[in-house]
Amino acid sequence: MARRQRTPKWLEAARRRGPEDLAADGRADWLSRALGRAGVLPRAEAEAAIREGRVEVAGRVEREPFAPVRPGAEVRVDGQARELTARLLGLAFHKPAGPVVHGSDPEGVGTVFERLRAVLPEELRGYEWLAVGRLDRDTTGLLLFTNDERLVRHGTSPETHLPKRYVARVKGCPPEAALQALRDGLVLEDGPTRPAGARLREPDVVELTLTEGRHHQVKRMLAAVGHPVLALHREAVGGVVLDVAESDWRLLREEEVAEGLGFR
């Protein structure tokens, strides 16, 4: 039975208002997301402000977070005019072990979004930061963030084949045959893997470079060749290399996004 495709909430809100609220060029965004993308308010705060009647669009109070808003619309928050034009931003964050890449953590350790927001300067805290992919709770290393969903889609699409370099301390000392099996590609329970870059850095430390991103893939591949992962760290995504201390961050340069991540 085919799954019924859901109508986007911003489109539902626009239809309730009438066709005049639908931008002919398809560029209409929903209000709470537009505020988060432009760095005015993170989405949860934006939704609260809208429902409290603190946001005006084109001179009228708007209480629907999913109301469509066109580029260039006159928007005021708490009476102050706010510009919704947003440039694409990217951040490199050094994830420590412990926090999860989810909106909340039932175990109470915390999320990467909380950790990131705690160290950002005031001028960047108004953005809605989206993680480009995931790292497991116990995995450390490079995690990218952006304010633009297009970069998230690019960075996580199986069609992009963006290389990601990991360093894994494993149980035992993998022989050359195990490394060659990783290079050739393995058959896992969800199908064959793409060939990977694999080499030893130390007798029990494997550098593994993947061009796909399946669930727990590094751990499953190394377990499949008989060397389970004891500790895992991500060093690079595309041409972006981790170069900040644990729990620290930096903005990506435009050329890193365009050339390093191949996003233009």
C-alpha atoms as a PDB file:
ATOM      1  CA  MET A   1       0.000   0.000   0.000  1.00  0.00           C
ATOM      2  CA  ALA A   2       1.500   3.355  -1.045  1.00  0.00           C
ATOM      3  CA  ARG A   3       2.175   5.845   1.713  1.00  0.00           C
ATOM      4  CA  ARG A   4       0.093   8.984   1.550  1.00  0.00           C
ATOM      5  CA  GLN A   5       2.280  12.016   1.050  1.00  0.00           C
ATOM      6  CA  ARG A   6       1.792  14.644   3.749  1.00  0.00           C
ATOM      7  CA  THR A   7       1.105  18.234   2.807  1.00  0.00           C
ATOM      8  CA  PRO A   8       3.715  20.620   4.295  1.00  0.00           C
ATOM      9  CA  LYS A   9       2.306  22.566   7.239  1.00  0.00           C
ATOM     10  CA  TRP A  10       3.244  25.919   5.707  1.00  0.00           C
ATOM     11  CA  LEU A  11       1.276  24.959   2.589  1.00  0.00           C
ATOM     12  CA  GLU A  12      -1.744  23.952   4.677  1.00  0.00           C
ATOM     13  CA  ALA A  13      -1.583  27.344   6.412  1.00  0.00           C
ATOM     14  CA  ALA A  14      -1.359  29.145   3.069  1.00  0.00           C
ATOM     15  CA  ARG A  15      -4.345  27.280   1.671  1.00  0.00           C
ATOM     16  CA  ARG A  16      -6.426  28.300   4.688  1.00  0.00           C
ATOM     17  CA  ARG A  17      -5.637  31.932   3.892  1.00  0.00           C
ATOM     18  CA  GLY A  18      -6.114  31.781   0.134  1.00  0.00           C
ATOM     19  CA  PRO A  19      -4.079  31.617  -3.070  1.00  0.00           C
ATOM     20  CA  GLU A  20      -2.715  35.142  -2.659  1.00  0.00           C
ATOM     21  CA  ASP A  21      -0.413  33.838   0.097  1.00  0.00           C
ATOM     22  CA  LEU A  22       1.248  31.276  -2.178  1.00  0.00           C
ATOM     23  CA  ALA A  23       4.318  32.720  -3.874  1.00  0.00           C
ATOM     24  CA  ALA A  24       4.204  32.047  -7.603  1.00  0.00           C
ATOM     25  CA  ASP A  25       7.920  31.286  -7.702  1.00  0.00           C
ATOM     26  CA  GLY A  26       7.628  28.686  -4.937  1.00  0.00           C
ATOM     27  CA  ARG A  27       9.952  30.612  -2.634  1.00  0.00           C
ATOM     28  CA  ALA A  28       7.493  31.114   0.208  1.00  0.00           C
ATOM     29  CA  ASP A  29       8.803  29.802   3.520  1.00  0.00           C
ATOM     30  CA  TRP A  30       6.985  29.306   6.777  1.00  0.00           C
ATOM     31  CA  LEU A  31       7.386  32.086   9.301  1.00  0.00           C
ATOM     32  CA  SER A  32       9.034  30.286  12.236  1.00  0.00           C
ATOM     33  CA  ARG A  33      11.593  28.619   9.992  1.00  0.00           C
ATOM     34  CA  ALA A  34      12.365  31.877   8.177  1.00  0.00           C
ATOM     35  CA  LEU A  35      13.028  33.588  11.517  1.00  0.00           C
ATOM     36  CA  GLY A  36      15.384  30.786  12.561  1.00  0.00           C
ATOM     37  CA  ARG A  37      17.228  30.689   9.241  1.00  0.00           C
ATOM     38  CA  ALA A  38      17.796  34.469   9.339  1.00  0.00           C
ATOM     39  CA  GLY A  39      19.143  34.438  12.898  1.00  0.00           C
ATOM     40  CA  VAL A  40      16.244  36.355  14.439  1.00  0.00           C
ATOM     41  CA  LEU A  41      15.027  33.626  16.815  1.00  0.00           C
ATOM     42  CA  PRO A  42      15.659  29.873  17.042  1.00  0.00           C
ATOM     43  CA  ARG A  43      12.605  28.015  15.808  1.00  0.00           C
ATOM     44  CA  ALA A  44      11.178  27.018  19.204  1.00  0.00           C
ATOM     45  CA  GLU A  45      11.482  30.610  20.448  1.00  0.00           C
ATOM     46  CA  ALA A  46      10.063  31.889  17.174  1.00  0.00           C
ATOM     47  CA  GLU A  47       7.012  29.639  17.472  1.00  0.00           C
ATOM     48  CA  ALA A  48       6.403  30.868  21.020  1.00  0.00           C
ATOM     49  CA  ALA A  49       6.765  34.524  19.990  1.00  0.00           C
ATOM     50  CA  ILE A  50       4.334  34.041  17.103  1.00  0.00           C
ATOM     51  CA  ARG A  51       1.698  32.344  19.228  1.00  0.00           C
ATOM     52  CA  GLU A  52       2.053  35.103  21.849  1.00  0.00           C
ATOM     53  CA  GLY A  53       1.189  37.716  19.206  1.00  0.00           C
ATOM     54  CA  ARG A  54       4.639  39.343  19.207  1.00  0.00           C
ATOM     55  CA  VAL A  55       5.227  38.951  15.449  1.00  0.00           C
ATOM     56  CA  GLU A  56       3.685  41.042  12.680  1.00  0.00           C
ATOM     57  CA  VAL A  57       3.790  40.303   8.960  1.00  0.00           C
ATOM     58  CA  ALA A  58       2.833  43.081   6.527  1.00  0.00           C
ATOM     59  CA  GLY A  59       1.283  45.101   9.336  1.00  0.00           C
ATOM     60  CA  ARG A  60      -0.881  42.391  10.897  1.00  0.00           C
ATOM     61  CA  VAL A  61      -0.261  40.173  13.910  1.00  0.00           C
ATOM     62  CA  GLU A  62       0.480  36.634  12.826  1.00  0.00           C
ATOM     63  CA  ARG A  63      -0.216  33.807  15.294  1.00  0.00           C
ATOM     64  CA  GLU A  64       0.400  30.838  12.980  1.00  0.00           C
ATOM     65  CA  PRO A  65       4.043  29.582  13.083  1.00  0.00           C
ATOM     66  CA  PHE A  66       3.556  27.841   9.727  1.00  0.00           C
ATOM     67  CA  ALA A  67       2.141  30.900   7.989  1.00  0.00           C
ATOM     68  CA  PRO A  68       3.852  31.401   4.616  1.00  0.00           C
ATOM     69  CA  VAL A  69       6.107  34.412   4.348  1.00  0.00           C
ATOM     70  CA  ARG A  70       7.524  35.709   1.086  1.00  0.00           C
ATOM     71  CA  PRO A  71      11.072  36.993   0.543  1.00  0.00           C
ATOM     72  CA  GLY A  72      11.157  40.715   1.273  1.00  0.00           C
ATOM     73  CA  ALA A  73       8.045  40.660   3.465  1.00  0.00           C
ATOM     74  CA  GLU A  74       7.845  43.325   6.172  1.00  0.00           C
ATOM     75  CA  VAL A  75       8.272  41.456   9.466  1.00  0.00           C
ATOM     76  CA  ARG A  76       8.391  42.918  12.975  1.00  0.00           C
ATOM     77  CA  VAL A  77       9.214  41.111  16.209  1.00  0.00           C
ATOM     78  CA  ASP A  78       8.270  42.971  19.404  1.00  0.00           C
ATOM     79  CA  GLY A  79       7.749  46.049  17.235  1.00  0.00           C
ATOM     80  CA  GLN A  80      11.232  45.942  15.735  1.00  0.00           C
ATOM     81  CA  ALA A  81      11.657  45.461  11.974  1.00  0.00           C
ATOM     82  CA  ARG A  82      13.658  42.324  11.185  1.00  0.00           C
ATOM     83  CA  GLU A  83      15.345  41.341   7.940  1.00  0.00           C
ATOM     84  CA  LEU A  84      14.623  37.769   6.811  1.00  0.00           C
ATOM     85  CA  THR A  85      17.254  37.637   4.091  1.00  0.00           C
ATOM     86  CA  ALA A  86      19.640  34.935   5.237  1.00  0.00           C
ATOM     87  CA  ARG A  87      23.062  33.953   3.968  1.00  0.00           C
ATOM     88  CA  LEU A  88      24.111  30.338   4.222  1.00  0.00           C
ATOM     89  CA  LEU A  89      26.304  29.681   7.245  1.00  0.00           C
ATOM     90  CA  GLY A  90      28.199  26.574   8.270  1.00  0.00           C
ATOM     91  CA  LEU A  91      29.888  25.652  11.539  1.00  0.00           C
ATOM     92  CA  ALA A  92      32.454  23.028  12.450  1.00  0.00           C
ATOM     93  CA  PHE A  93      31.963  21.717  16.003  1.00  0.00           C
ATOM     94  CA  HIS A  94      34.174  19.284  17.910  1.00  0.00           C
ATOM     95  CA  LYS A  95      31.667  16.921  19.479  1.00  0.00           C
ATOM     96  CA  PRO A  96      32.679  15.368  22.795  1.00  0.00           C
ATOM     97  CA  ALA A  97      31.520  11.946  23.927  1.00  0.00           C
ATOM     98  CA  GLY A  98      28.171  12.017  25.733  1.00  0.00           C
ATOM     99  CA  PRO A  99      25.669  14.382  24.081  1.00  0.00           C
ATOM    100  CA  VAL A 100      23.298  13.076  21.424  1.00  0.00           C
ATOM    101  CA  VAL A 101      22.489  14.517  18.001  1.00  0.00           C
ATOM    102  CA  HIS A 102      18.768  14.759  18.790  1.00  0.00           C
ATOM    103  CA  GLY A 103      16.423  17.463  19.989  1.00  0.00           C
ATOM    104  CA  SER A 104      16.310  15.992  23.501  1.00  0.00           C
ATOM    105  CA  ASP A 105      18.148  13.411  25.571  1.00  0.00           C
ATOM    106  CA  PRO A 106      16.041  11.066  27.738  1.00  0.00           C
ATOM    107  CA  GLU A 107      19.187  10.046  29.626  1.00  0.00           C
ATOM    108  CA  GLY A 108      19.818  13.621  30.714  1.00  0.00           C
ATOM    109  CA  VAL A 109      23.389  13.966  29.413  1.00  0.00           C
ATOM    110  CA  GLY A 110      22.354  16.673  26.941  1.00  0.00           C
ATOM    111  CA  THR A 111      22.310  17.334  23.219  1.00  0.00           C
ATOM    112  CA  VAL A 112      24.904  18.695  20.816  1.00  0.00           C
ATOM    113  CA  PHE A 113      22.563  21.611  20.131  1.00  0.00           C
ATOM    114  CA  GLU A 114      22.672  22.610  23.800  1.00  0.00           C
ATOM    115  CA  ARG A 115      26.456  22.230  23.882  1.00  0.00           C
ATOM    116  CA  LEU A 116      26.884  24.292  20.727  1.00  0.00           C
ATOM    117  CA  ARG A 117      24.527  27.090  21.762  1.00  0.00           C
ATOM    118  CA  ALA A 118      26.336  27.394  25.112  1.00  0.00           C
ATOM    119  CA  VAL A 119      29.607  28.361  23.410  1.00  0.00           C
ATOM    120  CA  LEU A 120      28.287  30.502  20.542  1.00  0.00           C
ATOM    121  CA  PRO A 121      28.535  34.301  20.685  1.00  0.00           C
ATOM    122  CA  GLU A 122      25.318  36.258  21.091  1.00  0.00           C
ATOM    123  CA  GLU A 123      25.091  37.195  17.405  1.00  0.00           C
ATOM    124  CA  LEU A 124      24.865  33.523  16.387  1.00  0.00           C
ATOM    125  CA  ARG A 125      22.447  32.253  19.035  1.00  0.00           C
ATOM    126  CA  GLY A 126      19.363  33.451  17.178  1.00  0.00           C
ATOM    127  CA  TYR A 127      19.894  30.982  14.351  1.00  0.00           C
ATOM    128  CA  GLU A 128      18.226  27.588  14.116  1.00  0.00           C
ATOM    129  CA  TRP A 129      21.286  25.337  13.779  1.00  0.00           C
ATOM    130  CA  LEU A 130      20.760  22.067  11.942  1.00  0.00           C
ATOM    131  CA  ALA A 131      23.186  19.149  12.198  1.00  0.00           C
ATOM    132  CA  VAL A 132      24.553  17.877   8.893  1.00  0.00           C
ATOM    133  CA  GLY A 133      24.343  14.160   9.656  1.00  0.00           C
ATOM    134  CA  ARG A 134      24.843  12.427  12.978  1.00  0.00           C
ATOM    135  CA  LEU A 135      27.445  10.980  15.294  1.00  0.00           C
ATOM    136  CA  ASP A 136      26.685   8.367  17.947  1.00  0.00           C
ATOM    137  CA  ARG A 137      26.621   9.375  21.609  1.00  0.00           C
ATOM    138  CA  ASP A 138      30.040   7.821  22.254  1.00  0.00           C
ATOM    139  CA  THR A 139      31.627   9.054  19.009  1.00  0.00           C
ATOM    140  CA  THR A 140      33.729  12.215  19.088  1.00  0.00           C
ATOM    141  CA  GLY A 141      34.958  14.566  16.400  1.00  0.00           C
ATOM    142  CA  LEU A 142      33.779  16.759  13.557  1.00  0.00           C
ATOM    143  CA  LEU A 143      30.084  17.573  13.353  1.00  0.00           C
ATOM    144  CA  LEU A 144      28.888  20.192  10.893  1.00  0.00           C
ATOM    145  CA  PHE A 145      25.976  22.568  11.465  1.00  0.00           C
ATOM    146  CA  THR A 146      24.170  24.958   9.145  1.00  0.00           C
ATOM    147  CA  ASN A 147      21.200  27.319   9.087  1.00  0.00           C
ATOM    148  CA  ASP A 148      20.131  26.060   5.646  1.00  0.00           C
ATOM    149  CA  GLU A 149      18.272  22.799   4.966  1.00  0.00           C
ATOM    150  CA  ARG A 150      19.767  22.616   1.471  1.00  0.00           C
ATOM    151  CA  LEU A 151      23.242  22.011   2.878  1.00  0.00           C
ATOM    152  CA  VAL A 152      21.837  19.336   5.195  1.00  0.00           C
ATOM    153  CA  ARG A 153      20.295  17.542   2.211  1.00  0.00           C
ATOM    154  CA  HIS A 154      23.516  17.847   0.225  1.00  0.00           C
ATOM    155  CA  GLY A 155      25.706  16.609   3.058  1.00  0.00           C
ATOM    156  CA  THR A 156      23.521  13.622   3.901  1.00  0.00           C
ATOM    157  CA  SER A 157      22.339  12.553   0.451  1.00  0.00           C
ATOM    158  CA  PRO A 158      23.519   9.075  -0.605  1.00  0.00           C
ATOM    159  CA  GLU A 159      24.042  10.551  -4.081  1.00  0.00           C
ATOM    160  CA  THR A 160      26.675  13.060  -2.914  1.00  0.00           C
ATOM    161  CA  HIS A 161      29.301  10.479  -1.861  1.00  0.00           C
ATOM    162  CA  LEU A 162      30.935  13.046   0.403  1.00  0.00           C
ATOM    163  CA  PRO A 163      33.986  11.362   1.977  1.00  0.00           C
ATOM    164  CA  LYS A 164      34.111  11.161   5.769  1.00  0.00           C
ATOM    165  CA  ARG A 165      37.330  10.151   7.537  1.00  0.00           C
ATOM    166  CA  TYR A 166      37.233   8.281  10.834  1.00  0.00           C
ATOM    167  CA  VAL A 167      39.867   6.975  13.211  1.00  0.00           C
ATOM    168  CA  ALA A 168      38.886   3.896  15.208  1.00  0.00           C
ATOM    169  CA  ARG A 169      40.698   2.160  18.024  1.00  0.00           C
ATOM    170  CA  VAL A 170      39.702  -1.477  17.669  1.00  0.00           C
ATOM    171  CA  LYS A 171      39.964  -4.771  19.469  1.00  0.00           C
ATOM    172  CA  GLY A 172      42.957  -6.719  18.208  1.00  0.00           C
ATOM    173  CA  CYS A 173      45.390  -5.828  15.440  1.00  0.00           C
ATOM    174  CA  PRO A 174      43.804  -5.976  11.964  1.00  0.00           C
ATOM    175  CA  PRO A 175      45.915  -7.784   9.363  1.00  0.00           C
ATOM    176  CA  GLU A 176      46.273  -6.606   5.774  1.00  0.00           C
ATOM    177  CA  ALA A 177      43.564  -9.049   4.688  1.00  0.00           C
ATOM    178  CA  ALA A 178      41.033  -7.311   6.930  1.00  0.00           C
ATOM    179  CA  LEU A 179      42.017  -3.892   5.577  1.00  0.00           C
ATOM    180  CA  GLN A 180      41.723  -5.150   2.005  1.00  0.00           C
ATOM    181  CA  ALA A 181      38.243  -6.478   2.719  1.00  0.00           C
ATOM    182  CA  LEU A 182      37.245  -2.992   3.877  1.00  0.00           C
ATOM    183  CA  ARG A 183      38.750  -1.465   0.735  1.00  0.00           C
ATOM    184  CA  ASP A 184      36.913  -3.915  -1.508  1.00  0.00           C
ATOM    185  CA  GLY A 185      33.564  -3.427   0.212  1.00  0.00           C
ATOM    186  CA  LEU A 186      31.625  -5.746   2.496  1.00  0.00           C
ATOM    187  CA  VAL A 187      28.156  -7.211   2.477  1.00  0.00           C
ATOM    188  CA  LEU A 188      26.265  -6.105   5.581  1.00  0.00           C
ATOM    189  CA  GLU A 189      22.704  -6.934   6.593  1.00  0.00           C
ATOM    190  CA  ASP A 190      21.448  -3.882   4.684  1.00  0.00           C
ATOM    191  CA  GLY A 191      23.421  -4.629   1.533  1.00  0.00           C
ATOM    192  CA  PRO A 192      26.915  -4.203   0.103  1.00  0.00           C
ATOM    193  CA  THR A 193      29.026  -1.229   1.134  1.00  0.00           C
ATOM    194  CA  ARG A 194      30.920   1.034  -1.183  1.00  0.00           C
ATOM    195  CA  PRO A 195      34.695   0.516  -1.238  1.00  0.00           C
ATOM    196  CA  ALA A 196      36.393   2.375   1.613  1.00  0.00           C
ATOM    197  CA  GLY A 197      39.810   3.834   2.235  1.00  0.00           C
ATOM    198  CA  ALA A 198      41.498   1.814   4.990  1.00  0.00           C
ATOM    199  CA  ARG A 199      44.950   1.880   6.555  1.00  0.00           C
ATOM    200  CA  LEU A 200      46.595   1.328   9.910  1.00  0.00           C
ATOM    201  CA  ARG A 201      47.935   4.222  11.943  1.00  0.00           C
ATOM    202  CA  GLU A 202      48.929   2.022  14.853  1.00  0.00           C
ATOM    203  CA  PRO A 203      48.647  -1.743  15.267  1.00  0.00           C
ATOM    204  CA  ASP A 204      45.155  -1.321  16.756  1.00  0.00           C
ATOM    205  CA  VAL A 205      44.118   1.995  15.170  1.00  0.00           C
ATOM    206  CA  VAL A 206      42.369   2.023  11.779  1.00  0.00           C
ATOM    207  CA  GLU A 207      41.813   5.064   9.580  1.00  0.00           C
ATOM    208  CA  LEU A 208      38.641   4.462   7.571  1.00  0.00           C
ATOM    209  CA  THR A 209      37.250   6.783   4.897  1.00  0.00           C
ATOM    210  CA  LEU A 210      33.662   6.213   3.756  1.00  0.00           C
ATOM    211  CA  THR A 211      31.684   7.789   0.943  1.00  0.00           C
ATOM    212  CA  GLU A 212      28.305   6.789   2.340  1.00  0.00           C
ATOM    213  CA  GLY A 213      26.661   7.209   5.724  1.00  0.00           C
ATOM    214  CA  ARG A 214      24.606   4.289   6.963  1.00  0.00           C
ATOM    215  CA  HIS A 215      23.549   3.747  10.556  1.00  0.00           C
ATOM    216  CA  HIS A 216      26.556   2.663  12.679  1.00  0.00           C
ATOM    217  CA  GLN A 217      28.398   1.833   9.469  1.00  0.00           C
ATOM    218  CA  VAL A 218      31.985   2.177  10.719  1.00  0.00           C
ATOM    219  CA  LYS A 219      31.256   0.024  13.748  1.00  0.00           C
ATOM    220  CA  ARG A 220      29.461  -2.606  11.685  1.00  0.00           C
ATOM    221  CA  MET A 221      32.178  -2.787   9.036  1.00  0.00           C
ATOM    222  CA  LEU A 222      34.989  -3.213  11.535  1.00  0.00           C
ATOM    223  CA  ALA A 223      32.991  -5.772  13.509  1.00  0.00           C
ATOM    224  CA  ALA A 224      32.393  -7.667  10.262  1.00  0.00           C
ATOM    225  CA  VAL A 225      36.148  -8.119   9.750  1.00  0.00           C
ATOM    226  CA  GLY A 226      36.599  -9.271  13.341  1.00  0.00           C
ATOM    227  CA  HIS A 227      37.797  -6.065  15.013  1.00  0.00           C
ATOM    228  CA  PRO A 228      35.031  -4.342  17.008  1.00  0.00           C
ATOM    229  CA  VAL A 229      35.389  -0.623  17.675  1.00  0.00           C
ATOM    230  CA  LEU A 230      36.486   0.453  21.141  1.00  0.00           C
ATOM    231  CA  ALA A 231      36.606   4.216  20.443  1.00  0.00           C
ATOM    232  CA  LEU A 232      35.620   6.220  17.363  1.00  0.00           C
ATOM    233  CA  HIS A 233      36.531   9.721  16.210  1.00  0.00           C
ATOM    234  CA  ARG A 234      35.692  11.629  13.007  1.00  0.00           C
ATOM    235  CA  GLU A 235      38.480  13.786  11.630  1.00  0.00           C
ATOM    236  CA  ALA A 236      37.123  15.180   8.381  1.00  0.00           C
ATOM    237  CA  VAL A 237      34.047  15.626   6.199  1.00  0.00           C
ATOM    238  CA  GLY A 238      34.920  16.290   2.570  1.00  0.00           C
ATOM    239  CA  GLY A 239      37.660  18.883   2.584  1.00  0.00           C
ATOM    240  CA  VAL A 240      36.709  20.226   6.034  1.00  0.00           C
ATOM    241  CA  VAL A 241      39.200  18.984   8.627  1.00  0.00           C
ATOM    242  CA  LEU A 242      38.665  19.172  12.377  1.00  0.00           C
ATOM    243  CA  ASP A 243      40.993  21.831  13.768  1.00  0.00           C
ATOM    244  CA  VAL A 244      39.358  23.055  16.982  1.00  0.00           C
ATOM    245  CA  ALA A 245      39.548  21.791  20.554  1.00  0.00           C
ATOM    246  CA  GLU A 246      36.891  19.536  22.030  1.00  0.00           C
ATOM    247  CA  SER A 247      33.561  21.349  22.542  1.00  0.00           C
ATOM    248  CA  ASP A 248      34.851  24.307  20.530  1.00  0.00           C
ATOM    249  CA  TRP A 249      33.636  25.531  17.121  1.00  0.00           C
ATOM    250  CA  ARG A 250      34.423  27.813  14.191  1.00  0.00           C
ATOM    251  CA  LEU A 251      32.617  29.229  11.177  1.00  0.00           C
ATOM    252  CA  LEU A 252      33.269  27.568   7.844  1.00  0.00           C
ATOM    253  CA  ARG A 253      34.790  29.724   5.141  1.00  0.00           C
ATOM    254  CA  GLU A 254      32.843  30.155   1.912  1.00  0.00           C
ATOM    255  CA  GLU A 255      35.447  28.161  -0.013  1.00  0.00           C
ATOM    256  CA  GLU A 256      35.161  25.290   2.459  1.00  0.00           C
ATOM    257  CA  VAL A 257      31.440  25.050   1.758  1.00  0.00           C
ATOM    258  CA  ALA A 258      31.848  25.439  -2.016  1.00  0.00           C
ATOM    259  CA  GLU A 259      35.018  23.414  -2.571  1.00  0.00           C
ATOM    260  CA  GLY A 260      35.433  21.315   0.562  1.00  0.00           C
ATOM    261  CA  LEU A 261      31.811  20.183   0.700  1.00  0.00           C
ATOM    262  CA  GLY A 262      31.050  20.606  -2.990  1.00  0.00           C
ATOM    263  CA  PHE A 263      27.984  22.754  -2.299  1.00  0.00           C
ATOM    264  CA  ARG A 264      27.382  25.668  -4.663  1.00  0.00           C
END
